């Protein structure tokens, strides 16, 4: 999805510059990530990265439609500068407690791959041995967030580490991405993943079973974000995964179940020179259909024409959506304790589908205390489709709103 590009850029700058924010759960291995990246050349400000356009020399670029191969493409693509695995979901306990969650892994390259690397980043003729087991070309960052509606509480945490000494990494076979004790991995039956994440406030263990094959967004998986050269990525989603497991909240443990959403994206480019942020929506409707749409915002607040999305019908058939296909009206705003004003309720209309719904956050404050600050949270959906009442649930992400 479009949303993570500036996130990755700022996280890379934090690592190169010796910084790195942390949330209420703390930061793990931050000093190690900083040490390995300290000598990597980097832009002088986040704006330089956001407006960089084409990838740095030595990285592959998303320039043309490619053939996706699963399960291999669930794994890493180190030939590209950055990629991410975004899991969001909606859970319920047997007693009816509502829990939203986000677990995201970012892979960020601090140096290009060696010459001769394949798309997967594996050298064709063997990569020279690194001088030290501490050295690496990759940094991993993870964000974890819980929306605890019953307690009217939102909690977030951030960690990062190099992919050295087993601290963090990703692989395709069997699938696994991890940072410390946070992971999503194929541990048993093929295609079934186990998500594990915990900090002092919350812990979550889930079995995730895809209910549909991956959906390719954009032009057969090639997602173009602007007219700038190289400003594109490879992007697919799994809009429904059955989720079942256990949530630990302090000393209390409860069985939970629900659905999750996976967004996967990799590339080497940045946003266009006028783009400053986006609003991203992932709706799961009760009739089995789903909608993904990202609205890119230019510097003057207008929607960028490269905004786009995908409609997934209950029968699994998909339809690409252009910016003109989707109308979004902001119905309310919320000011965060940090002074940022975010949209706080939306009306989404897709006339070609007869869809007219509102999305309302289940909690106002779902702002992640991460680097950079952004809002991503659980929302309830209600409205109509083709004149019939419809409801559902959503995750919404808001990035690039000024303080």
Protein backbone atom coordinates (compact mmCIF):
# COMPACT_ATOMS: atom_id res chain seq x y z
CA UNK A 1 0.00 0.00 0.00
CA UNK A 2 1.07 3.58 -0.43
CA UNK A 3 1.08 4.28 3.23
CA UNK A 4 4.47 3.00 4.35
CA UNK A 5 6.85 4.84 2.03
CA UNK A 6 7.48 7.91 4.21
CA UNK A 7 7.34 5.69 7.29
CA UNK A 8 10.21 3.63 5.93
CA UNK A 9 12.08 6.77 4.87
CA UNK A 10 11.90 8.35 8.32
CA UNK A 11 12.76 5.08 10.04
CA UNK A 12 15.82 4.75 7.85
CA UNK A 13 16.84 8.30 8.69
CA UNK A 14 16.35 7.58 12.38
CA UNK A 15 18.66 4.60 12.14
CA UNK A 16 21.29 6.46 10.13
CA UNK A 17 21.13 9.51 12.37
CA UNK A 18 21.31 7.75 15.70
CA UNK A 19 17.68 8.36 16.62
CA UNK A 20 14.54 6.30 16.54
CA UNK A 21 11.30 6.88 18.34
CA UNK A 22 9.77 4.44 20.74
CA UNK A 23 6.28 3.94 22.02
CA UNK A 24 4.88 2.88 25.33
CA UNK A 25 6.22 -0.62 24.83
CA UNK A 26 9.79 0.61 24.41
CA UNK A 27 12.42 0.05 21.71
CA UNK A 28 14.38 -3.16 21.33
CA UNK A 29 17.87 -3.29 19.83
CA UNK A 30 17.78 0.36 18.79
CA UNK A 31 21.43 0.90 19.61
CA UNK A 32 22.40 -2.09 17.51
CA UNK A 33 20.46 -0.84 14.49
CA UNK A 34 22.02 2.58 14.90
CA UNK A 35 25.52 1.17 15.13
CA UNK A 36 25.27 -0.90 11.96
CA UNK A 37 23.81 2.00 9.96
CA UNK A 38 25.85 4.83 11.40
CA UNK A 39 28.21 4.98 8.44
CA UNK A 40 25.58 4.56 5.74
CA UNK A 41 25.24 7.70 3.62
CA UNK A 42 21.79 9.25 3.95
CA UNK A 43 19.76 12.31 3.01
CA UNK A 44 19.99 15.39 5.16
CA UNK A 45 16.26 15.48 5.96
CA UNK A 46 13.16 13.30 5.67
CA UNK A 47 11.93 15.56 2.87
CA UNK A 48 14.93 14.56 0.75
CA UNK A 49 13.86 10.93 0.97
CA UNK A 50 10.15 11.59 0.45
CA UNK A 51 10.93 13.48 -2.76
CA UNK A 52 13.77 11.27 -3.93
CA UNK A 53 11.83 9.83 -6.87
CA UNK A 54 13.82 7.00 -8.42
CA UNK A 55 15.68 4.49 -6.32
CA UNK A 56 19.31 4.89 -5.40
CA UNK A 57 21.84 3.29 -7.73
CA UNK A 58 22.21 -0.42 -7.05
CA UNK A 59 18.59 -1.13 -6.07
CA UNK A 60 16.01 -2.73 -8.32
CA UNK A 61 12.96 -0.66 -9.29
CA UNK A 62 9.34 -1.59 -9.83
CA UNK A 63 9.09 -0.58 -13.48
CA UNK A 64 6.92 -3.19 -15.18
CA UNK A 65 4.30 -5.83 -14.51
CA UNK A 66 5.87 -8.99 -13.13
CA UNK A 67 4.70 -12.53 -12.54
CA UNK A 68 3.90 -13.10 -8.87
CA UNK A 69 4.80 -16.48 -7.43
CA UNK A 70 3.28 -17.75 -4.21
CA UNK A 71 4.29 -18.71 -1.62
CA UNK A 72 7.72 -17.33 -2.62
CA UNK A 73 6.53 -13.71 -2.79
CA UNK A 74 5.39 -13.83 0.83
CA UNK A 75 9.13 -13.84 1.58
CA UNK A 76 11.67 -10.98 1.29
CA UNK A 77 12.89 -9.15 -1.83
CA UNK A 78 16.25 -7.66 -0.76
CA UNK A 79 17.05 -6.43 -4.28
CA UNK A 80 14.60 -3.61 -3.50
CA UNK A 81 15.25 -0.86 -0.98
CA UNK A 82 12.24 -1.44 1.25
CA UNK A 83 9.23 -3.66 1.84
CA UNK A 84 6.67 -4.37 4.51
CA UNK A 85 4.27 -6.96 5.89
CA UNK A 86 1.18 -5.20 7.32
CA UNK A 87 -1.25 -7.21 9.43
CA UNK A 88 -4.37 -5.57 10.86
CA UNK A 89 -7.38 -7.29 12.36
CA UNK A 90 -10.61 -7.30 14.32
CA UNK A 91 -11.05 -9.75 17.19
CA UNK A 92 -13.76 -10.65 19.69
CA UNK A 93 -13.57 -12.61 22.93
CA UNK A 94 -16.22 -15.13 23.99
CA UNK A 95 -17.58 -12.46 26.35
CA UNK A 96 -17.86 -9.96 23.49
CA UNK A 97 -14.80 -7.77 24.13
CA UNK A 98 -13.70 -6.04 20.92
CA UNK A 99 -9.99 -5.85 20.12
CA UNK A 100 -8.32 -4.32 17.10
CA UNK A 101 -4.65 -5.02 16.37
CA UNK A 102 -1.83 -4.02 14.05
CA UNK A 103 1.49 -5.83 13.62
CA UNK A 104 3.81 -4.49 10.93
CA UNK A 105 7.30 -5.49 9.87
CA UNK A 106 9.40 -3.14 7.72
CA UNK A 107 12.57 -4.25 5.94
CA UNK A 108 14.85 -1.32 5.12
CA UNK A 109 18.08 -1.64 3.15
CA UNK A 110 21.01 0.49 4.29
CA UNK A 111 23.15 -0.57 1.32
CA UNK A 112 22.38 -1.99 -2.14
CA UNK A 113 22.65 -5.74 -2.70
CA UNK A 114 25.82 -7.11 -4.21
CA UNK A 115 26.11 -7.19 -7.97
CA UNK A 116 24.43 -10.18 -9.52
CA UNK A 117 21.66 -10.54 -6.95
CA UNK A 118 18.35 -11.95 -8.11
CA UNK A 119 14.95 -10.40 -7.39
CA UNK A 120 14.97 -12.29 -4.10
CA UNK A 121 18.32 -10.75 -3.21
CA UNK A 122 20.22 -14.03 -3.46
CA UNK A 123 23.49 -13.58 -5.38
CA UNK A 124 23.74 -15.60 -8.57
CA UNK A 125 27.38 -16.45 -8.02
CA UNK A 126 27.72 -16.30 -4.28
CA UNK A 127 27.97 -13.20 -2.09
CA UNK A 128 31.37 -12.38 -0.59
CA UNK A 129 31.60 -13.20 3.08
CA UNK A 130 30.90 -10.24 5.36
CA UNK A 131 33.76 -9.17 7.55
CA UNK A 132 31.73 -9.45 10.73
CA UNK A 133 28.63 -11.32 11.81
CA UNK A 134 27.33 -7.96 13.10
CA UNK A 135 27.42 -6.38 9.65
CA UNK A 136 24.27 -6.28 7.55
CA UNK A 137 22.60 -4.56 4.62
CA UNK A 138 19.17 -4.66 6.22
CA UNK A 139 17.37 -3.15 9.20
CA UNK A 140 14.00 -4.42 10.37
CA UNK A 141 11.43 -2.29 12.20
CA UNK A 142 8.20 -3.53 13.78
CA UNK A 143 5.11 -1.69 15.02
CA UNK A 144 2.55 -3.29 17.33
CA UNK A 145 -0.73 -1.69 18.36
CA UNK A 146 -3.86 -2.79 20.22
CA UNK A 147 -7.22 -1.04 20.29
CA UNK A 148 -8.92 -2.24 23.48
CA UNK A 149 -12.48 -0.97 23.10
CA UNK A 150 -13.72 -2.50 26.37
CA UNK A 151 -11.13 -0.53 28.35
CA UNK A 152 -11.23 2.54 26.09
CA UNK A 153 -7.47 2.12 25.66
CA UNK A 154 -5.02 2.27 22.78
CA UNK A 155 -1.50 0.90 23.14
CA UNK A 156 1.41 0.92 20.68
CA UNK A 157 5.05 -0.12 20.65
CA UNK A 158 7.99 -0.03 18.24
CA UNK A 159 11.13 -2.13 17.93
CA UNK A 160 14.00 -2.34 15.48
CA UNK A 161 17.15 -4.40 14.87
CA UNK A 162 19.61 -5.40 12.16
CA UNK A 163 19.22 -8.73 10.40
CA UNK A 164 22.42 -10.08 11.91
CA UNK A 165 23.01 -12.77 14.52
CA UNK A 166 19.39 -13.86 14.07
CA UNK A 167 18.04 -10.64 15.64
CA UNK A 168 15.61 -10.06 12.78
CA UNK A 169 14.94 -11.27 9.27
CA UNK A 170 12.61 -12.85 6.78
CA UNK A 171 12.53 -15.94 4.59
CA UNK A 172 10.15 -17.48 2.10
CA UNK A 173 10.45 -21.24 2.79
CA UNK A 174 9.06 -21.96 5.27
CA UNK A 175 7.64 -18.45 5.51
CA UNK A 176 8.82 -16.42 8.48
CA UNK A 177 9.38 -12.74 9.28
CA UNK A 178 10.58 -11.80 12.76
CA UNK A 179 12.14 -9.19 14.98
CA UNK A 180 13.19 -10.57 18.34
CA UNK A 181 10.22 -12.43 19.80
CA UNK A 182 7.73 -10.78 17.42
CA UNK A 183 7.02 -12.95 14.39
CA UNK A 184 4.64 -14.32 11.80
CA UNK A 185 5.63 -17.78 10.61
CA UNK A 186 4.46 -20.94 8.95
CA UNK A 187 4.94 -23.37 11.83
CA UNK A 188 2.65 -26.27 10.94
CA UNK A 189 0.30 -26.85 8.02
CA UNK A 190 1.39 -25.24 4.75
CA UNK A 191 -0.19 -21.84 4.23
CA UNK A 192 -1.23 -21.46 7.87
CA UNK A 193 0.67 -18.78 9.78
CA UNK A 194 1.19 -18.17 13.47
CA UNK A 195 1.46 -14.59 14.69
CA UNK A 196 3.27 -14.00 17.98
CA UNK A 197 3.81 -10.61 19.62
CA UNK A 198 4.06 -9.50 23.23
CA UNK A 199 5.20 -6.62 25.40
CA UNK A 200 4.48 -5.83 29.08
CA UNK A 201 0.98 -4.52 28.34
CA UNK A 202 -0.41 -6.94 25.73
CA UNK A 203 0.44 -10.25 24.14
CA UNK A 204 -1.18 -11.87 21.15
CA UNK A 205 -0.86 -15.33 19.61
CA UNK A 206 -3.00 -16.04 16.56
CA UNK A 207 -3.38 -18.73 13.94
CA UNK A 208 -4.02 -17.04 10.58
CA UNK A 209 -5.68 -18.97 7.71
CA UNK A 210 -6.13 -17.14 4.39
CA UNK A 211 -9.75 -17.29 3.23
CA UNK A 212 -8.90 -16.16 -0.29
CA UNK A 213 -5.87 -16.09 -2.59
CA UNK A 214 -3.74 -12.94 -2.78
CA UNK A 215 -5.32 -10.00 -4.59
CA UNK A 216 -3.03 -8.03 -6.94
CA UNK A 217 -3.54 -4.27 -6.63
CA UNK A 218 -2.97 -1.70 -9.35
CA UNK A 219 -2.03 -3.02 -12.79
CA UNK A 220 -1.69 -6.73 -12.05
CA UNK A 221 0.26 -5.94 -8.91
CA UNK A 222 2.22 -2.91 -10.17
CA UNK A 223 1.10 0.08 -8.09
CA UNK A 224 2.15 3.46 -9.53
CA UNK A 225 2.17 6.31 -7.01
CA UNK A 226 3.22 9.29 -9.19
CA UNK A 227 4.68 10.25 -12.56
CA UNK A 228 8.20 10.35 -11.11
CA UNK A 229 10.51 7.62 -12.50
CA UNK A 230 10.58 4.57 -10.24
CA UNK A 231 7.70 5.82 -8.09
CA UNK A 232 5.94 2.47 -8.01
CA UNK A 233 5.89 -0.74 -6.03
CA UNK A 234 4.66 -4.31 -6.22
CA UNK A 235 1.56 -4.61 -4.07
CA UNK A 236 -0.81 -7.39 -3.12
CA UNK A 237 -3.31 -7.97 -0.32
CA UNK A 238 -4.99 -10.88 1.39
CA UNK A 239 -8.20 -9.14 2.49
CA UNK A 240 -9.49 -11.89 4.76
CA UNK A 241 -7.62 -14.26 7.03
CA UNK A 242 -9.45 -16.22 9.68
CA UNK A 243 -7.81 -15.42 13.01
CA UNK A 244 -8.05 -17.48 16.19
CA UNK A 245 -5.92 -17.53 19.30
CA UNK A 246 -5.29 -15.85 22.64
CA UNK A 247 -4.86 -12.31 23.88
CA UNK A 248 -3.01 -11.63 27.11
CA UNK A 249 -3.93 -8.32 28.75
CA UNK A 250 -1.83 -7.77 31.85
CA UNK A 251 -2.46 -10.87 33.95
CA UNK A 252 -5.67 -11.75 32.10
CA UNK A 253 -5.78 -14.17 29.17
CA UNK A 254 -8.75 -14.60 26.84
CA UNK A 255 -9.52 -16.62 23.74
CA UNK A 256 -10.23 -14.44 20.72
CA UNK A 257 -11.27 -14.94 17.10
CA UNK A 258 -12.06 -12.78 14.11
CA UNK A 259 -10.55 -11.72 10.79
CA UNK A 260 -7.29 -10.12 9.72
CA UNK A 261 -5.99 -8.32 6.62
CA UNK A 262 -2.51 -8.55 5.10
CA UNK A 263 -0.98 -5.88 2.88
CA UNK A 264 2.37 -6.62 1.18
CA UNK A 265 4.44 -4.16 -0.78
CA UNK A 266 8.02 -3.76 -1.96
CA UNK A 267 9.92 -1.29 -4.10
CA UNK A 268 12.70 1.29 -4.10
CA UNK A 269 11.02 4.58 -4.95
CA UNK A 270 9.45 7.42 -3.02
CA UNK A 271 6.36 9.55 -3.29
CA UNK A 272 6.06 12.29 -5.90
CA UNK A 273 7.49 15.77 -5.26
CA UNK A 274 4.09 17.27 -4.34
CA UNK A 275 2.70 14.35 -2.32
CA UNK A 276 2.77 14.73 1.45
CA UNK A 277 0.59 11.94 2.84
CA UNK A 278 -2.40 9.69 2.42
CA UNK A 279 -5.54 8.20 3.92
CA UNK A 280 -5.76 4.40 3.53
CA UNK A 281 -8.93 2.36 4.01
CA UNK A 282 -9.39 -1.42 4.29
CA UNK A 283 -13.08 -2.36 4.64
CA UNK A 284 -14.36 -5.86 5.36
CA UNK A 285 -18.13 -5.94 4.78
CA UNK A 286 -20.49 -8.47 6.30
CA UNK A 287 -21.60 -9.84 2.91
CA UNK A 288 -18.05 -11.11 2.27
CA UNK A 289 -16.92 -8.25 0.03
CA UNK A 290 -14.00 -5.94 0.75
CA UNK A 291 -12.66 -2.55 -0.34
CA UNK A 292 -9.12 -1.19 -0.28
CA UNK A 293 -8.46 2.41 -1.27
CA UNK A 294 -5.61 4.83 -0.66
CA UNK A 295 -6.15 8.56 -1.15
CA UNK A 296 -2.83 10.32 -1.76
CA UNK A 297 -2.72 13.98 -0.71
CA UNK A 298 -0.77 16.72 -2.45
CA UNK A 299 0.86 19.61 -0.61
CA UNK A 300 -2.25 21.75 -1.03
CA UNK A 301 -4.45 19.04 0.51
CA UNK A 302 -6.04 18.02 -2.80
CA UNK A 303 -6.32 14.37 -3.75
CA UNK A 304 -3.59 13.20 -6.11
CA UNK A 305 -4.91 11.53 -9.29
CA UNK A 306 -2.70 8.48 -8.64
CA UNK A 307 -4.94 7.52 -5.72
CA UNK A 308 -6.37 4.07 -6.34
CA UNK A 309 -7.86 0.94 -4.83
CA UNK A 310 -9.40 -2.47 -5.34
CA UNK A 311 -12.91 -3.86 -4.87
CA UNK A 312 -13.10 -7.55 -3.94
CA UNK A 313 -16.52 -9.09 -4.39
CA UNK A 314 -17.92 -11.81 -2.15
CA UNK A 315 -17.31 -14.22 -5.05
CA UNK A 316 -13.62 -13.29 -5.12
CA UNK A 317 -13.75 -11.31 -8.36
CA UNK A 318 -11.83 -8.03 -8.25
CA UNK A 319 -12.18 -4.60 -9.83
CA UNK A 320 -9.50 -1.94 -9.96
CA UNK A 321 -10.72 1.46 -8.75
CA UNK A 322 -9.35 4.78 -9.96
CA UNK A 323 -9.36 8.02 -8.02
CA UNK A 324 -12.50 9.11 -9.90
CA UNK A 325 -14.36 5.95 -8.86
CA UNK A 326 -14.30 6.70 -5.13
CA UNK A 327 -15.67 9.76 -3.35
CA UNK A 328 -14.60 10.36 0.26
CA UNK A 329 -16.08 13.08 2.45
CA UNK A 330 -14.63 13.88 5.88
CA UNK A 331 -17.47 14.25 8.41
CA UNK A 332 -15.52 15.01 11.61
CA UNK A 333 -12.03 15.78 12.95
CA UNK A 334 -10.05 14.95 16.08
CA UNK A 335 -7.07 16.77 17.59
CA UNK A 336 -4.46 14.50 19.12
CA UNK A 337 -2.63 15.29 22.39
CA UNK A 338 0.37 16.09 20.18
CA UNK A 339 -1.56 18.79 18.34
CA UNK A 340 -2.18 16.97 15.05
CA UNK A 341 -5.68 17.31 13.58
CA UNK A 342 -6.84 14.11 11.87
CA UNK A 343 -10.04 13.25 10.01
CA UNK A 344 -12.23 11.24 12.39
CA UNK A 345 -15.22 9.99 10.37
CA UNK A 346 -15.69 9.41 6.67
CA UNK A 347 -18.38 8.81 4.07
CA UNK A 348 -17.20 6.61 1.20
CA UNK A 349 -19.21 6.32 -1.99
CA UNK A 350 -18.58 4.15 -5.06
CA UNK A 351 -21.47 4.85 -7.40
CA UNK A 352 -20.55 2.08 -9.83
CA UNK A 353 -21.02 -0.43 -7.00
CA UNK A 354 -24.01 1.26 -5.39
CA UNK A 355 -21.92 1.54 -2.22
CA UNK A 356 -22.54 4.33 0.30
CA UNK A 357 -21.07 3.78 3.78
CA UNK A 358 -19.66 5.63 6.75
CA UNK A 359 -16.57 4.57 8.69
CA UNK A 360 -16.35 5.69 12.33
CA UNK A 361 -13.35 5.04 14.62
CA UNK A 362 -14.20 2.85 17.61
CA UNK A 363 -11.83 5.06 19.65
CA UNK A 364 -10.80 8.59 18.79
CA UNK A 365 -7.21 8.24 19.99
CA UNK A 366 -5.49 5.56 17.91
CA UNK A 367 -2.34 7.56 17.16
CA UNK A 368 0.85 5.51 17.21
CA UNK A 369 3.71 7.04 19.16
CA UNK A 370 6.22 5.89 16.56
CA UNK A 371 8.70 7.40 14.11
CA UNK A 372 6.98 9.21 12.50
CA UNK A 373 3.67 9.79 14.28
CA UNK A 374 0.66 8.45 12.41
CA UNK A 375 -2.92 7.40 13.13
CA UNK A 376 -4.03 3.86 12.37
CA UNK A 377 -7.07 2.33 13.95
CA UNK A 378 -10.13 0.15 14.11
CA UNK A 379 -13.38 1.57 12.72
CA UNK A 380 -17.02 0.46 12.38
CA UNK A 381 -18.75 0.58 9.00
CA UNK A 382 -22.44 1.08 8.27
CA UNK A 383 -24.48 2.16 5.26
CA UNK A 384 -25.98 0.59 2.17
CA UNK A 385 -25.15 -1.20 -1.05
CA UNK A 386 -27.61 -1.28 -3.92
CA UNK A 387 -30.24 0.07 -1.54
CA UNK A 388 -29.75 -2.68 1.02
CA UNK A 389 -28.38 -2.05 4.51
CA UNK A 390 -24.81 -3.22 5.00
CA UNK A 391 -22.31 -3.10 7.86
CA UNK A 392 -18.75 -4.13 8.47
CA UNK A 393 -15.42 -3.21 9.97
CA UNK A 394 -12.38 -1.35 8.76
CA UNK A 395 -8.84 -0.27 9.44
CA UNK A 396 -7.91 3.28 8.50
CA UNK A 397 -4.45 4.82 8.34
CA UNK A 398 -3.68 8.55 8.24
CA UNK A 399 -0.14 9.74 7.48
CA UNK A 400 1.41 13.12 6.79
CA UNK A 401 -0.89 15.43 8.75
CA UNK A 402 1.05 18.40 10.15
CA UNK A 403 1.05 19.38 13.81
